[in-house]
Amino acid sequence: MEKVFSKDSFWLLFWGFVASALAWAFWYYAGEHGFQIMTIAVWISLIFDNRRMRAKLKDYEKKN
């Protein structure tokens, strides 16, 4: 049981470090444009999700 815990702890620390390094790199290189980049990314994902949901709704309406 102890080996599993230490293995899980390692991966938790590893991925925490990776996430923090990526976040730092994003804000370091994006600078003051980081908020606009994130806003655009969210808008694009919402548009694609809306299209997907509309297609599912049309399929659901055709079946019923």
Protein backbone atom coordinates (compact mmCIF):
# COMPACT_ATOMS: atom_id res chain seq x y z
CA MET A 1 0.00 0.00 0.00
CA GLU A 2 2.86 2.35 0.76
CA LYS A 3 4.37 1.98 -2.73
CA VAL A 4 1.10 2.99 -4.40
CA PHE A 5 0.88 6.09 -2.23
CA SER A 6 4.40 7.19 -3.05
CA LYS A 7 3.81 6.52 -6.75
CA ASP A 8 0.62 8.58 -6.68
CA SER A 9 2.39 11.34 -4.81
CA PHE A 10 5.14 11.41 -7.42
CA TRP A 11 2.68 11.75 -10.30
CA LEU A 12 0.68 14.38 -8.47
CA LEU A 13 3.81 16.46 -7.92
CA PHE A 14 4.99 15.83 -11.47
CA TRP A 15 1.76 16.96 -13.14
CA GLY A 16 1.45 19.86 -10.74
CA PHE A 17 4.90 21.01 -11.82
CA VAL A 18 4.02 20.56 -15.50
CA ALA A 19 0.79 22.56 -15.11
CA SER A 20 2.54 25.37 -13.24
CA ALA A 21 5.35 25.50 -15.82
CA LEU A 22 2.86 25.69 -18.67
CA ALA A 23 0.87 28.40 -16.89
CA TRP A 24 4.03 30.40 -16.26
CA ALA A 25 5.14 30.01 -19.89
CA PHE A 26 1.74 31.09 -21.18
CA TRP A 27 1.62 34.27 -19.11
CA TYR A 28 5.31 35.01 -19.67
CA TYR A 29 5.10 34.81 -23.46
CA ALA A 30 1.53 36.10 -23.88
CA GLY A 31 2.17 39.04 -21.61
CA GLU A 32 -0.58 41.61 -21.59
CA HIS A 33 -2.39 39.79 -24.42
CA GLY A 34 -3.00 36.68 -22.32
CA PHE A 35 -6.52 37.68 -21.36
CA GLN A 36 -7.50 38.30 -24.99
CA ILE A 37 -6.02 34.95 -26.03
CA MET A 38 -7.94 33.11 -23.35
CA THR A 39 -11.15 34.98 -24.18
CA ILE A 40 -10.85 34.10 -27.87
CA ALA A 41 -10.17 30.45 -27.00
CA VAL A 42 -13.27 30.32 -24.79
CA TRP A 43 -15.44 31.93 -27.47
CA ILE A 44 -14.21 29.47 -30.10
CA SER A 45 -14.88 26.50 -27.84
CA LEU A 46 -18.38 27.82 -27.04
CA ILE A 47 -19.18 28.27 -30.73
CA PHE A 48 -18.12 24.70 -31.55
CA ASP A 49 -19.99 23.31 -28.56
CA ASN A 50 -23.12 25.25 -29.55
CA ARG A 51 -22.95 23.82 -33.08
CA ARG A 52 -22.53 20.32 -31.68
CA MET A 53 -25.47 20.74 -29.31
CA ARG A 54 -27.70 22.13 -32.07
CA ALA A 55 -26.92 19.11 -34.24
CA LYS A 56 -27.76 16.76 -31.37
CA LEU A 57 -31.00 18.64 -30.76
CA LYS A 58 -32.00 18.33 -34.43
CA ASP A 59 -31.31 14.58 -34.33
CA TYR A 60 -33.34 14.28 -31.14
CA GLU A 61 -36.26 16.22 -32.65
CA LYS A 62 -36.23 14.01 -35.77
CA LYS A 63 -36.44 10.86 -33.64
CA ASN A 64 -39.36 12.12 -31.56
